[in-house]
Amino acid sequence: MTVFPKRFKEARLQAGLSQERLGVLAGIDEHSASARINQYERGKHAPDWLTVKRLATVLRVPVAYFYAAEDDVAELLLAFCALDQEQRAKVLELVRQAPGLTTDASGPPPQSPAPGRGRGWPSR
């Protein structure tokens, strides 16, 4: 099972929306909205990309949040997206200056310091 159902439900509850209301706001027919959102939250069905984008817009979260495997990455996505452009630029500059960080995509990804700690790239 993907992480989508968990993140999706968390975002809906945080927004204080019922399944039906979220579905209707995202453009799903009101007669099937609750059932479809329920299926997405249970992982029985996955929404198509355009539906995910509409749901993210209604929930005011970045699409990537739904797919973040690690909780700390999901939290960072929410925090980063809540910043204005100037604040984002400052955060990015700080991150780019972090010791040991490389922007060279040709090298291997950094390894997690410990299993289950939610940092770094997954081992290959």
PDB file of N, CA and C in Angstrom:
ATOM      1  N   MET A   1       0.847  -1.187   0.000  1.00  0.00           N
ATOM      2  CA  MET A   1       0.000   0.000   0.000  1.00  0.00           C
ATOM      3  C   MET A   1       0.890   1.246   0.000  1.00  0.00           C
ATOM      4  N   THR A   2       0.468   2.240  -0.728  1.00  0.00           N
ATOM      5  CA  THR A   2       1.223   3.482  -0.781  1.00  0.00           C
ATOM      6  C   THR A   2       0.922   4.345   0.440  1.00  0.00           C
ATOM      7  N   VAL A   3       1.698   5.382   0.586  1.00  0.00           N
ATOM      8  CA  VAL A   3       1.515   6.304   1.695  1.00  0.00           C
ATOM      9  C   VAL A   3       0.374   7.293   1.409  1.00  0.00           C
ATOM     10  N   PHE A   4      -0.071   7.353   0.162  1.00  0.00           N
ATOM     11  CA  PHE A   4      -1.102   8.308  -0.228  1.00  0.00           C
ATOM     12  C   PHE A   4      -2.329   8.286   0.687  1.00  0.00           C
ATOM     13  N   PRO A   5      -2.948   7.131   0.954  1.00  0.00           N
ATOM     14  CA  PRO A   5      -4.164   7.147   1.774  1.00  0.00           C
ATOM     15  C   PRO A   5      -3.963   7.795   3.150  1.00  0.00           C
ATOM     16  N   LYS A   6      -2.839   7.495   3.781  1.00  0.00           N
ATOM     17  CA  LYS A   6      -2.562   8.061   5.112  1.00  0.00           C
ATOM     18  C   LYS A   6      -2.426   9.576   5.048  1.00  0.00           C
ATOM     19  N   ARG A   7      -1.592  10.055   4.144  1.00  0.00           N
ATOM     20  CA  ARG A   7      -1.365  11.507   4.032  1.00  0.00           C
ATOM     21  C   ARG A   7      -2.648  12.229   3.607  1.00  0.00           C
ATOM     22  N   PHE A   8      -3.379  11.610   2.702  1.00  0.00           N
ATOM     23  CA  PHE A   8      -4.605  12.211   2.204  1.00  0.00           C
ATOM     24  C   PHE A   8      -5.611  12.396   3.339  1.00  0.00           C
ATOM     25  N   LYS A   9      -5.814  11.358   4.124  1.00  0.00           N
ATOM     26  CA  LYS A   9      -6.766  11.454   5.237  1.00  0.00           C
ATOM     27  C   LYS A   9      -6.298  12.470   6.270  1.00  0.00           C
ATOM     28  N   GLU A  10      -4.994  12.478   6.571  1.00  0.00           N
ATOM     29  CA  GLU A  10      -4.460  13.455   7.524  1.00  0.00           C
ATOM     30  C   GLU A  10      -4.759  14.880   7.060  1.00  0.00           C
ATOM     31  N   ALA A  11      -4.547  15.138   5.777  1.00  0.00           N
ATOM     32  CA  ALA A  11      -4.775  16.477   5.238  1.00  0.00           C
ATOM     33  C   ALA A  11      -6.254  16.855   5.304  1.00  0.00           C
ATOM     34  N   ARG A  12      -7.119  15.896   4.990  1.00  0.00           N
ATOM     35  CA  ARG A  12      -8.566  16.173   5.041  1.00  0.00           C
ATOM     36  C   ARG A  12      -9.000  16.502   6.461  1.00  0.00           C
ATOM     37  N   LEU A  13      -8.556  15.691   7.413  1.00  0.00           N
ATOM     38  CA  LEU A  13      -8.939  15.934   8.800  1.00  0.00           C
ATOM     39  C   LEU A  13      -8.377  17.255   9.311  1.00  0.00           C
ATOM     40  N   GLN A  14      -7.142  17.560   8.933  1.00  0.00           N
ATOM     41  CA  GLN A  14      -6.535  18.829   9.338  1.00  0.00           C
ATOM     42  C   GLN A  14      -7.319  20.011   8.770  1.00  0.00           C
ATOM     43  N   ALA A  15      -7.862  19.846   7.578  1.00  0.00           N
ATOM     44  CA  ALA A  15      -8.656  20.905   6.949  1.00  0.00           C
ATOM     45  C   ALA A  15     -10.063  20.991   7.537  1.00  0.00           C
ATOM     46  N   GLY A  16     -10.462  19.980   8.301  1.00  0.00           N
ATOM     47  CA  GLY A  16     -11.784  19.993   8.921  1.00  0.00           C
ATOM     48  C   GLY A  16     -12.919  19.772   7.935  1.00  0.00           C
ATOM     49  N   LEU A  17     -12.651  19.002   6.894  1.00  0.00           N
ATOM     50  CA  LEU A  17     -13.672  18.751   5.872  1.00  0.00           C
ATOM     51  C   LEU A  17     -14.190  17.322   5.953  1.00  0.00           C
ATOM     52  N   SER A  18     -15.464  17.167   5.699  1.00  0.00           N
ATOM     53  CA  SER A  18     -16.017  15.822   5.580  1.00  0.00           C
ATOM     54  C   SER A  18     -15.567  15.243   4.247  1.00  0.00           C
ATOM     55  N   GLN A  19     -15.696  13.942   4.113  1.00  0.00           N
ATOM     56  CA  GLN A  19     -15.350  13.310   2.844  1.00  0.00           C
ATOM     57  C   GLN A  19     -16.211  13.877   1.717  1.00  0.00           C
ATOM     58  N   GLU A  20     -17.489  14.014   1.979  1.00  0.00           N
ATOM     59  CA  GLU A  20     -18.400  14.514   0.952  1.00  0.00           C
ATOM     60  C   GLU A  20     -18.054  15.948   0.553  1.00  0.00           C
ATOM     61  N   ARG A  21     -17.836  16.807   1.540  1.00  0.00           N
ATOM     62  CA  ARG A  21     -17.548  18.219   1.249  1.00  0.00           C
ATOM     63  C   ARG A  21     -16.254  18.353   0.451  1.00  0.00           C
ATOM     64  N   LEU A  22     -15.218  17.607   0.842  1.00  0.00           N
ATOM     65  CA  LEU A  22     -13.959  17.651   0.105  1.00  0.00           C
ATOM     66  C   LEU A  22     -14.170  17.230  -1.346  1.00  0.00           C
ATOM     67  N   GLY A  23     -14.891  16.139  -1.536  1.00  0.00           N
ATOM     68  CA  GLY A  23     -15.144  15.668  -2.887  1.00  0.00           C
ATOM     69  C   GLY A  23     -15.863  16.684  -3.736  1.00  0.00           C
ATOM     70  N   VAL A  24     -16.879  17.291  -3.180  1.00  0.00           N
ATOM     71  CA  VAL A  24     -17.647  18.297  -3.925  1.00  0.00           C
ATOM     72  C   VAL A  24     -16.769  19.497  -4.257  1.00  0.00           C
ATOM     73  N   LEU A  25     -15.971  19.969  -3.291  1.00  0.00           N
ATOM     74  CA  LEU A  25     -15.091  21.110  -3.536  1.00  0.00           C
ATOM     75  C   LEU A  25     -14.033  20.799  -4.598  1.00  0.00           C
ATOM     76  N   ALA A  26     -13.684  19.525  -4.723  1.00  0.00           N
ATOM     77  CA  ALA A  26     -12.690  19.115  -5.716  1.00  0.00           C
ATOM     78  C   ALA A  26     -13.319  18.786  -7.069  1.00  0.00           C
ATOM     79  N   GLY A  27     -14.635  18.967  -7.183  1.00  0.00           N
ATOM     80  CA  GLY A  27     -15.289  18.776  -8.470  1.00  0.00           C
ATOM     81  C   GLY A  27     -15.856  17.385  -8.714  1.00  0.00           C
ATOM     82  N   ILE A  28     -15.953  16.590  -7.662  1.00  0.00           N
ATOM     83  CA  ILE A  28     -16.543  15.254  -7.788  1.00  0.00           C
ATOM     84  C   ILE A  28     -18.053  15.387  -7.600  1.00  0.00           C
ATOM     85  N   ASP A  29     -18.813  14.654  -8.383  1.00  0.00           N
ATOM     86  CA  ASP A  29     -20.269  14.689  -8.296  1.00  0.00           C
ATOM     87  C   ASP A  29     -20.710  14.451  -6.849  1.00  0.00           C
ATOM     88  N   GLU A  30     -21.631  15.260  -6.364  1.00  0.00           N
ATOM     89  CA  GLU A  30     -22.040  15.186  -4.966  1.00  0.00           C
ATOM     90  C   GLU A  30     -22.647  13.839  -4.570  1.00  0.00           C
ATOM     91  N   HIS A  31     -23.187  13.103  -5.520  1.00  0.00           N
ATOM     92  CA  HIS A  31     -23.800  11.815  -5.212  1.00  0.00           C
ATOM     93  C   HIS A  31     -22.763  10.715  -4.983  1.00  0.00           C
ATOM     94  N   SER A  32     -21.570  10.909  -5.501  1.00  0.00           N
ATOM     95  CA  SER A  32     -20.532   9.890  -5.325  1.00  0.00           C
ATOM     96  C   SER A  32     -19.318  10.415  -4.568  1.00  0.00           C
ATOM     97  N   ALA A  33     -19.327  11.685  -4.187  1.00  0.00           N
ATOM     98  CA  ALA A  33     -18.152  12.318  -3.575  1.00  0.00           C
ATOM     99  C   ALA A  33     -17.683  11.592  -2.318  1.00  0.00           C
ATOM    100  N   SER A  34     -18.577  11.334  -1.391  1.00  0.00           N
ATOM    101  CA  SER A  34     -18.193  10.693  -0.132  1.00  0.00           C
ATOM    102  C   SER A  34     -17.606   9.305  -0.366  1.00  0.00           C
ATOM    103  N   ALA A  35     -18.251   8.519  -1.213  1.00  0.00           N
ATOM    104  CA  ALA A  35     -17.779   7.159  -1.483  1.00  0.00           C
ATOM    105  C   ALA A  35     -16.403   7.168  -2.154  1.00  0.00           C
ATOM    106  N   ARG A  36     -16.182   8.082  -3.096  1.00  0.00           N
ATOM    107  CA  ARG A  36     -14.892   8.138  -3.777  1.00  0.00           C
ATOM    108  C   ARG A  36     -13.782   8.557  -2.833  1.00  0.00           C
ATOM    109  N   ILE A  37     -14.036   9.562  -2.025  1.00  0.00           N
ATOM    110  CA  ILE A  37     -13.016  10.011  -1.075  1.00  0.00           C
ATOM    111  C   ILE A  37     -12.719   8.895  -0.078  1.00  0.00           C
ATOM    112  N   ASN A  38     -13.736   8.200   0.354  1.00  0.00           N
ATOM    113  CA  ASN A  38     -13.547   7.071   1.263  1.00  0.00           C
ATOM    114  C   ASN A  38     -12.662   5.999   0.625  1.00  0.00           C
ATOM    115  N   GLN A  39     -12.882   5.708  -0.630  1.00  0.00           N
ATOM    116  CA  GLN A  39     -12.064   4.706  -1.325  1.00  0.00           C
ATOM    117  C   GLN A  39     -10.617   5.169  -1.450  1.00  0.00           C
ATOM    118  N   TYR A  40     -10.398   6.447  -1.674  1.00  0.00           N
ATOM    119  CA  TYR A  40      -9.035   6.975  -1.738  1.00  0.00           C
ATOM    120  C   TYR A  40      -8.348   6.845  -0.372  1.00  0.00           C
ATOM    121  N   GLU A  41      -9.084   7.155   0.687  1.00  0.00           N
ATOM    122  CA  GLU A  41      -8.507   7.090   2.034  1.00  0.00           C
ATOM    123  C   GLU A  41      -8.215   5.656   2.468  1.00  0.00           C
ATOM    124  N   ARG A  42      -8.973   4.710   1.991  1.00  0.00           N
ATOM    125  CA  ARG A  42      -8.735   3.305   2.342  1.00  0.00           C
ATOM    126  C   ARG A  42      -7.726   2.642   1.409  1.00  0.00           C
ATOM    127  N   GLY A  43      -7.341   3.333   0.359  1.00  0.00           N
ATOM    128  CA  GLY A  43      -6.388   2.782  -0.592  1.00  0.00           C
ATOM    129  C   GLY A  43      -6.990   1.785  -1.557  1.00  0.00           C
ATOM    130  N   LYS A  44      -8.313   1.728  -1.583  1.00  0.00           N
ATOM    131  CA  LYS A  44      -8.981   0.795  -2.499  1.00  0.00           C
ATOM    132  C   LYS A  44      -8.832   1.260  -3.945  1.00  0.00           C
ATOM    133  N   HIS A  45      -8.902   2.569  -4.154  1.00  0.00           N
ATOM    134  CA  HIS A  45      -8.703   3.162  -5.468  1.00  0.00           C
ATOM    135  C   HIS A  45      -7.770   4.356  -5.307  1.00  0.00           C
ATOM    136  N   ALA A  46      -7.071   4.683  -6.373  1.00  0.00           N
ATOM    137  CA  ALA A  46      -6.192   5.848  -6.372  1.00  0.00           C
ATOM    138  C   ALA A  46      -6.732   6.875  -7.360  1.00  0.00           C
ATOM    139  N   PRO A  47      -6.751   8.136  -6.977  1.00  0.00           N
ATOM    140  CA  PRO A  47      -7.233   9.159  -7.898  1.00  0.00           C
ATOM    141  C   PRO A  47      -6.233   9.392  -9.026  1.00  0.00           C
ATOM    142  N   ASP A  48      -6.746   9.849 -10.169  1.00  0.00           N
ATOM    143  CA  ASP A  48      -5.854  10.208 -11.260  1.00  0.00           C
ATOM    144  C   ASP A  48      -5.133  11.512 -10.903  1.00  0.00           C
ATOM    145  N   TRP A  49      -4.116  11.844 -11.703  1.00  0.00           N
ATOM    146  CA  TRP A  49      -3.255  12.985 -11.394  1.00  0.00           C
ATOM    147  C   TRP A  49      -4.024  14.302 -11.305  1.00  0.00           C
ATOM    148  N   LEU A  50      -4.939  14.560 -12.210  1.00  0.00           N
ATOM    149  CA  LEU A  50      -5.694  15.816 -12.167  1.00  0.00           C
ATOM    150  C   LEU A  50      -6.568  15.905 -10.922  1.00  0.00           C
ATOM    151  N   THR A  51      -7.128  14.782 -10.514  1.00  0.00           N
ATOM    152  CA  THR A  51      -7.932  14.764  -9.287  1.00  0.00           C
ATOM    153  C   THR A  51      -7.048  15.027  -8.075  1.00  0.00           C
ATOM    154  N   VAL A  52      -5.859  14.426  -8.055  1.00  0.00           N
ATOM    155  CA  VAL A  52      -4.917  14.666  -6.948  1.00  0.00           C
ATOM    156  C   VAL A  52      -4.587  16.158  -6.876  1.00  0.00           C
ATOM    157  N   LYS A  53      -4.347  16.778  -8.026  1.00  0.00           N
ATOM    158  CA  LYS A  53      -4.038  18.210  -8.043  1.00  0.00           C
ATOM    159  C   LYS A  53      -5.199  19.038  -7.492  1.00  0.00           C
ATOM    160  N   ARG A  54      -6.421  18.682  -7.886  1.00  0.00           N
ATOM    161  CA  ARG A  54      -7.596  19.420  -7.386  1.00  0.00           C
ATOM    162  C   ARG A  54      -7.754  19.217  -5.880  1.00  0.00           C
ATOM    163  N   LEU A  55      -7.559  17.981  -5.411  1.00  0.00           N
ATOM    164  CA  LEU A  55      -7.667  17.696  -3.978  1.00  0.00           C
ATOM    165  C   LEU A  55      -6.604  18.468  -3.193  1.00  0.00           C
ATOM    166  N   ALA A  56      -5.387  18.496  -3.717  1.00  0.00           N
ATOM    167  CA  ALA A  56      -4.303  19.223  -3.052  1.00  0.00           C
ATOM    168  C   ALA A  56      -4.627  20.716  -2.971  1.00  0.00           C
ATOM    169  N   THR A  57      -5.197  21.247  -4.030  1.00  0.00           N
ATOM    170  CA  THR A  57      -5.562  22.666  -4.041  1.00  0.00           C
ATOM    171  C   THR A  57      -6.603  22.955  -2.972  1.00  0.00           C
ATOM    172  N   VAL A  58      -7.622  22.124  -2.899  1.00  0.00           N
ATOM    173  CA  VAL A  58      -8.678  22.322  -1.897  1.00  0.00           C
ATOM    174  C   VAL A  58      -8.105  22.193  -0.483  1.00  0.00           C
ATOM    175  N   LEU A  59      -7.218  21.229  -0.294  1.00  0.00           N
ATOM    176  CA  LEU A  59      -6.645  20.980   1.037  1.00  0.00           C
ATOM    177  C   LEU A  59      -5.479  21.913   1.373  1.00  0.00           C
ATOM    178  N   ARG A  60      -5.048  22.681   0.375  1.00  0.00           N
ATOM    179  CA  ARG A  60      -3.938  23.624   0.550  1.00  0.00           C
ATOM    180  C   ARG A  60      -2.653  22.937   0.990  1.00  0.00           C
ATOM    181  N   VAL A  61      -2.345  21.856   0.294  1.00  0.00           N
ATOM    182  CA  VAL A  61      -1.093  21.137   0.509  1.00  0.00           C
ATOM    183  C   VAL A  61      -0.446  20.907  -0.849  1.00  0.00           C
ATOM    184  N   PRO A  62       0.878  20.765  -0.870  1.00  0.00           N
ATOM    185  CA  PRO A  62       1.519  20.442  -2.146  1.00  0.00           C
ATOM    186  C   PRO A  62       1.225  18.999  -2.528  1.00  0.00           C
ATOM    187  N   VAL A  63       1.127  18.735  -3.800  1.00  0.00           N
ATOM    188  CA  VAL A  63       0.868  17.371  -4.279  1.00  0.00           C
ATOM    189  C   VAL A  63       1.904  16.403  -3.709  1.00  0.00           C
ATOM    190  N   ALA A  64       3.153  16.829  -3.649  1.00  0.00           N
ATOM    191  CA  ALA A  64       4.230  15.956  -3.162  1.00  0.00           C
ATOM    192  C   ALA A  64       3.980  15.471  -1.735  1.00  0.00           C
ATOM    193  N   TYR A  65       3.243  16.233  -0.947  1.00  0.00           N
ATOM    194  CA  TYR A  65       2.944  15.834   0.433  1.00  0.00           C
ATOM    195  C   TYR A  65       2.271  14.466   0.478  1.00  0.00           C
ATOM    196  N   PHE A  66       1.373  14.209  -0.447  1.00  0.00           N
ATOM    197  CA  PHE A  66       0.642  12.948  -0.455  1.00  0.00           C
ATOM    198  C   PHE A  66       1.549  11.742  -0.675  1.00  0.00           C
ATOM    199  N   TYR A  67       2.716  11.969  -1.270  1.00  0.00           N
ATOM    200  CA  TYR A  67       3.599  10.872  -1.649  1.00  0.00           C
ATOM    201  C   TYR A  67       4.886  10.810  -0.823  1.00  0.00           C
ATOM    202  N   ALA A  68       5.039  11.686   0.153  1.00  0.00           N
ATOM    203  CA  ALA A  68       6.242  11.695   0.988  1.00  0.00           C
ATOM    204  C   ALA A  68       6.250  10.464   1.888  1.00  0.00           C
ATOM    205  N   ALA A  69       7.234   9.611   1.698  1.00  0.00           N
ATOM    206  CA  ALA A  69       7.303   8.356   2.464  1.00  0.00           C
ATOM    207  C   ALA A  69       7.685   8.587   3.918  1.00  0.00           C
ATOM    208  N   GLU A  70       8.506   9.605   4.184  1.00  0.00           N
ATOM    209  CA  GLU A  70       8.951   9.869   5.550  1.00  0.00           C
ATOM    210  C   GLU A  70       8.134  11.014   6.157  1.00  0.00           C
ATOM    211  N   ASP A  71       7.796  10.870   7.427  1.00  0.00           N
ATOM    212  CA  ASP A  71       6.989  11.885   8.099  1.00  0.00           C
ATOM    213  C   ASP A  71       7.703  13.234   8.159  1.00  0.00           C
ATOM    214  N   ASP A  72       9.017  13.230   8.413  1.00  0.00           N
ATOM    215  CA  ASP A  72       9.716  14.506   8.510  1.00  0.00           C
ATOM    216  C   ASP A  72       9.767  15.223   7.164  1.00  0.00           C
ATOM    217  N   VAL A  73       9.861  14.480   6.086  1.00  0.00           N
ATOM    218  CA  VAL A  73       9.846  15.085   4.754  1.00  0.00           C
ATOM    219  C   VAL A  73       8.465  15.689   4.487  1.00  0.00           C
ATOM    220  N   ALA A  74       7.424  14.983   4.853  1.00  0.00           N
ATOM    221  CA  ALA A  74       6.064  15.506   4.682  1.00  0.00           C
ATOM    222  C   ALA A  74       5.883  16.795   5.474  1.00  0.00           C
ATOM    223  N   GLU A  75       6.391  16.804   6.695  1.00  0.00           N
ATOM    224  CA  GLU A  75       6.285  18.003   7.527  1.00  0.00           C
ATOM    225  C   GLU A  75       7.060  19.170   6.917  1.00  0.00           C
ATOM    226  N   LEU A  76       8.246  18.886   6.391  1.00  0.00           N
ATOM    227  CA  LEU A  76       9.038  19.932   5.742  1.00  0.00           C
ATOM    228  C   LEU A  76       8.333  20.491   4.510  1.00  0.00           C
ATOM    229  N   LEU A  77       7.717  19.624   3.733  1.00  0.00           N
ATOM    230  CA  LEU A  77       6.970  20.082   2.558  1.00  0.00           C
ATOM    231  C   LEU A  77       5.864  21.059   2.956  1.00  0.00           C
ATOM    232  N   LEU A  78       5.116  20.715   3.988  1.00  0.00           N
ATOM    233  CA  LEU A  78       4.037  21.594   4.438  1.00  0.00           C
ATOM    234  C   LEU A  78       4.592  22.925   4.931  1.00  0.00           C
ATOM    235  N   ALA A  79       5.647  22.861   5.727  1.00  0.00           N
ATOM    236  CA  ALA A  79       6.237  24.082   6.279  1.00  0.00           C
ATOM    237  C   ALA A  79       6.818  24.955   5.173  1.00  0.00           C
ATOM    238  N   PHE A  80       7.547  24.348   4.246  1.00  0.00           N
ATOM    239  CA  PHE A  80       8.168  25.098   3.162  1.00  0.00           C
ATOM    240  C   PHE A  80       7.123  25.775   2.287  1.00  0.00           C
ATOM    241  N   CYS A  81       6.060  25.061   1.966  1.00  0.00           N
ATOM    242  CA  CYS A  81       5.025  25.610   1.090  1.00  0.00           C
ATOM    243  C   CYS A  81       4.206  26.704   1.770  1.00  0.00           C
ATOM    244  N   ALA A  82       4.260  26.771   3.091  1.00  0.00           N
ATOM    245  CA  ALA A  82       3.549  27.820   3.818  1.00  0.00           C
ATOM    246  C   ALA A  82       4.335  29.134   3.824  1.00  0.00           C
ATOM    247  N   LEU A  83       5.602  29.097   3.413  1.00  0.00           N
ATOM    248  CA  LEU A  83       6.442  30.292   3.398  1.00  0.00           C
ATOM    249  C   LEU A  83       6.173  31.144   2.163  1.00  0.00           C
ATOM    250  N   ASP A  84       6.459  32.429   2.278  1.00  0.00           N
ATOM    251  CA  ASP A  84       6.377  33.273   1.086  1.00  0.00           C
ATOM    252  C   ASP A  84       7.658  33.097   0.275  1.00  0.00           C
ATOM    253  N   GLN A  85       7.706  33.672  -0.920  1.00  0.00           N
ATOM    254  CA  GLN A  85       8.832  33.461  -1.839  1.00  0.00           C
ATOM    255  C   GLN A  85      10.161  33.895  -1.239  1.00  0.00           C
ATOM    256  N   GLU A  86      10.171  35.006  -0.534  1.00  0.00           N
ATOM    257  CA  GLU A  86      11.420  35.493   0.076  1.00  0.00           C
ATOM    258  C   GLU A  86      11.914  34.515   1.148  1.00  0.00           C
ATOM    259  N   GLN A  87      11.004  34.026   1.974  1.00  0.00           N
ATOM    260  CA  GLN A  87      11.385  33.064   3.005  1.00  0.00           C
ATOM    261  C   GLN A  87      11.870  31.759   2.383  1.00  0.00           C
ATOM    262  N   ARG A  88      11.225  31.317   1.314  1.00  0.00           N
ATOM    263  CA  ARG A  88      11.655  30.102   0.621  1.00  0.00           C
ATOM    264  C   ARG A  88      13.076  30.254   0.098  1.00  0.00           C
ATOM    265  N   ALA A  89      13.374  31.408  -0.476  1.00  0.00           N
ATOM    266  CA  ALA A  89      14.710  31.656  -1.014  1.00  0.00           C
ATOM    267  C   ALA A  89      15.754  31.580   0.100  1.00  0.00           C
ATOM    268  N   LYS A  90      15.439  32.126   1.263  1.00  0.00           N
ATOM    269  CA  LYS A  90      16.370  32.085   2.398  1.00  0.00           C
ATOM    270  C   LYS A  90      16.596  30.651   2.874  1.00  0.00           C
ATOM    271  N   VAL A  91      15.531  29.883   2.957  1.00  0.00           N
ATOM    272  CA  VAL A  91      15.649  28.480   3.381  1.00  0.00           C
ATOM    273  C   VAL A  91      16.484  27.701   2.382  1.00  0.00           C
ATOM    274  N   LEU A  92      16.217  27.891   1.108  1.00  0.00           N
ATOM    275  CA  LEU A  92      16.985  27.186   0.080  1.00  0.00           C
ATOM    276  C   LEU A  92      18.466  27.554   0.149  1.00  0.00           C
ATOM    277  N   GLU A  93      18.764  28.809   0.393  1.00  0.00           N
ATOM    278  CA  GLU A  93      20.156  29.226   0.506  1.00  0.00           C
ATOM    279  C   GLU A  93      20.828  28.552   1.697  1.00  0.00           C
ATOM    280  N   LEU A  94      20.138  28.481   2.823  1.00  0.00           N
ATOM    281  CA  LEU A  94      20.684  27.794   3.999  1.00  0.00           C
ATOM    282  C   LEU A  94      20.940  26.317   3.709  1.00  0.00           C
ATOM    283  N   VAL A  95      20.017  25.690   3.044  1.00  0.00           N
ATOM    284  CA  VAL A  95      20.156  24.274   2.720  1.00  0.00           C
ATOM    285  C   VAL A  95      21.330  24.065   1.775  1.00  0.00           C
ATOM    286  N   ARG A  96      21.463  24.934   0.806  1.00  0.00           N
ATOM    287  CA  ARG A  96      22.560  24.806  -0.167  1.00  0.00           C
ATOM    288  C   ARG A  96      23.927  24.978   0.491  1.00  0.00           C
ATOM    289  N   GLN A  97      23.963  25.721   1.577  1.00  0.00           N
ATOM    290  CA  GLN A  97      25.218  25.963   2.282  1.00  0.00           C
ATOM    291  C   GLN A  97      25.533  24.898   3.329  1.00  0.00           C
ATOM    292  N   ALA A  98      24.643  23.957   3.526  1.00  0.00           N
ATOM    293  CA  ALA A  98      24.832  22.921   4.542  1.00  0.00           C
ATOM    294  C   ALA A  98      26.077  22.099   4.241  1.00  0.00           C
ATOM    295  N   PRO A  99      26.910  21.833   5.262  1.00  0.00           N
ATOM    296  CA  PRO A  99      28.112  21.032   5.052  1.00  0.00           C
ATOM    297  C   PRO A  99      27.765  19.636   4.531  1.00  0.00           C
ATOM    298  N   GLY A 100      28.536  19.189   3.555  1.00  0.00           N
ATOM    299  CA  GLY A 100      28.346  17.844   3.031  1.00  0.00           C
ATOM    300  C   GLY A 100      27.251  17.700   2.009  1.00  0.00           C
ATOM    301  N   LEU A 101      26.520  18.771   1.764  1.00  0.00           N
ATOM    302  CA  LEU A 101      25.450  18.700   0.775  1.00  0.00           C
ATOM    303  C   LEU A 101      26.033  18.925  -0.602  1.00  0.00           C
ATOM    304  N   THR A 102      25.688  18.049  -1.505  1.00  0.00           N
ATOM    305  CA  THR A 102      26.159  18.195  -2.880  1.00  0.00           C
ATOM    306  C   THR A 102      24.966  18.337  -3.792  1.00  0.00           C
ATOM    307  N   THR A 103      25.107  19.167  -4.796  1.00  0.00           N
ATOM    308  CA  THR A 103      24.044  19.310  -5.786  1.00  0.00           C
ATOM    309  C   THR A 103      24.398  18.559  -7.052  1.00  0.00           C
ATOM    310  N   ASP A 104      25.502  17.791  -7.001  1.00  0.00           N
ATOM    311  CA  ASP A 104      25.936  17.001  -8.155  1.00  0.00           C
ATOM    312  C   ASP A 104      25.082  15.749  -8.238  1.00  0.00           C
ATOM    313  N   ALA A 105      24.211  15.700  -9.225  1.00  0.00           N
ATOM    314  CA  ALA A 105      23.287  14.575  -9.355  1.00  0.00           C
ATOM    315  C   ALA A 105      23.964  13.315  -9.867  1.00  0.00           C
ATOM    316  N   SER A 106      25.247  13.402 -10.275  1.00  0.00           N
ATOM    317  CA  SER A 106      25.912  12.222 -10.830  1.00  0.00           C
ATOM    318  C   SER A 106      26.398  11.262  -9.757  1.00  0.00           C
ATOM    319  N   GLY A 107      26.555  11.735  -8.544  1.00  0.00           N
ATOM    320  CA  GLY A 107      27.036  10.881  -7.465  1.00  0.00           C
ATOM    321  C   GLY A 107      25.915  10.087  -6.836  1.00  0.00           C
ATOM    322  N   PRO A 108      26.277   9.157  -5.952  1.00  0.00           N
ATOM    323  CA  PRO A 108      25.237   8.363  -5.289  1.00  0.00           C
ATOM    324  C   PRO A 108      24.457   9.213  -4.299  1.00  0.00           C
ATOM    325  N   PRO A 109      23.191   8.882  -4.065  1.00  0.00           N
ATOM    326  CA  PRO A 109      22.403   9.636  -3.097  1.00  0.00           C
ATOM    327  C   PRO A 109      22.907   9.371  -1.692  1.00  0.00           C
ATOM    328  N   PRO A 110      22.715  10.324  -0.774  1.00  0.00           N
ATOM    329  CA  PRO A 110      23.131  10.102   0.605  1.00  0.00           C
ATOM    330  C   PRO A 110      22.349   8.949   1.224  1.00  0.00           C
ATOM    331  N   GLN A 111      22.980   8.215   2.101  1.00  0.00           N
ATOM    332  CA  GLN A 111      22.339   7.084   2.751  1.00  0.00           C
ATOM    333  C   GLN A 111      21.712   7.521   4.070  1.00  0.00           C
ATOM    334  N   SER A 112      20.672   6.832   4.484  1.00  0.00           N
ATOM    335  CA  SER A 112      20.026   7.105   5.756  1.00  0.00           C
ATOM    336  C   SER A 112      20.982   6.782   6.888  1.00  0.00           C
ATOM    337  N   PRO A 113      21.015   7.615   7.958  1.00  0.00           N
ATOM    338  CA  PRO A 113      21.918   7.347   9.073  1.00  0.00           C
ATOM    339  C   PRO A 113      21.525   6.103   9.860  1.00  0.00           C
ATOM    340  N   ALA A 114      20.247   5.820   9.909  1.00  0.00           N
ATOM    341  CA  ALA A 114      19.774   4.632  10.620  1.00  0.00           C
ATOM    342  C   ALA A 114      18.437   4.234  10.027  1.00  0.00           C
ATOM    343  N   PRO A 115      18.157   2.943   9.937  1.00  0.00           N
ATOM    344  CA  PRO A 115      16.872   2.516   9.379  1.00  0.00           C
ATOM    345  C   PRO A 115      15.706   3.110  10.154  1.00  0.00           C
ATOM    346  N   GLY A 116      14.708   3.560   9.401  1.00  0.00           N
ATOM    347  CA  GLY A 116      13.483   4.042  10.025  1.00  0.00           C
ATOM    348  C   GLY A 116      13.556   5.436  10.591  1.00  0.00           C
ATOM    349  N   ARG A 117      14.667   6.130  10.400  1.00  0.00           N
ATOM    350  CA  ARG A 117      14.793   7.454  10.975  1.00  0.00           C
ATOM    351  C   ARG A 117      14.265   8.551  10.048  1.00  0.00           C
ATOM    352  N   GLY A 118      13.947   8.177   8.795  1.00  0.00           N
ATOM    353  CA  GLY A 118      13.308   9.133   7.906  1.00  0.00           C
ATOM    354  C   GLY A 118      14.220  10.194   7.341  1.00  0.00           C
ATOM    355  N   ARG A 119      15.527   9.917   7.251  1.00  0.00           N
ATOM    356  CA  ARG A 119      16.428  10.931   6.696  1.00  0.00           C
ATOM    357  C   ARG A 119      17.193  10.330   5.525  1.00  0.00           C
ATOM    358  N   GLY A 120      17.470  11.139   4.537  1.00  0.00           N
ATOM    359  CA  GLY A 120      18.276  10.716   3.418  1.00  0.00           C
ATOM    360  C   GLY A 120      17.477   9.913   2.407  1.00  0.00           C
ATOM    361  N   TRP A 121      18.194   9.398   1.414  1.00  0.00           N
ATOM    362  CA  TRP A 121      17.593   8.609   0.347  1.00  0.00           C
ATOM    363  C   TRP A 121      17.524   7.162   0.787  1.00  0.00           C
ATOM    364  N   PRO A 122      16.543   6.429   0.327  1.00  0.00           N
ATOM    365  CA  PRO A 122      16.483   5.011   0.662  1.00  0.00           C
ATOM    366  C   PRO A 122      17.650   4.276   0.021  1.00  0.00           C
ATOM    367  N   SER A 123      18.080   3.220   0.665  1.00  0.00           N
ATOM    368  CA  SER A 123      19.156   2.408   0.121  1.00  0.00           C
ATOM    369  C   SER A 123      18.688   1.726  -1.146  1.00  0.00           C
ATOM    370  N   ARG A 124      19.626   1.512  -2.055  1.00  0.00           N
ATOM    371  CA  ARG A 124      19.276   0.844  -3.309  1.00  0.00           C
ATOM    372  C   ARG A 124      19.618  -0.609  -3.233  1.00  0.00           C
TER     373      ARG A 124
END
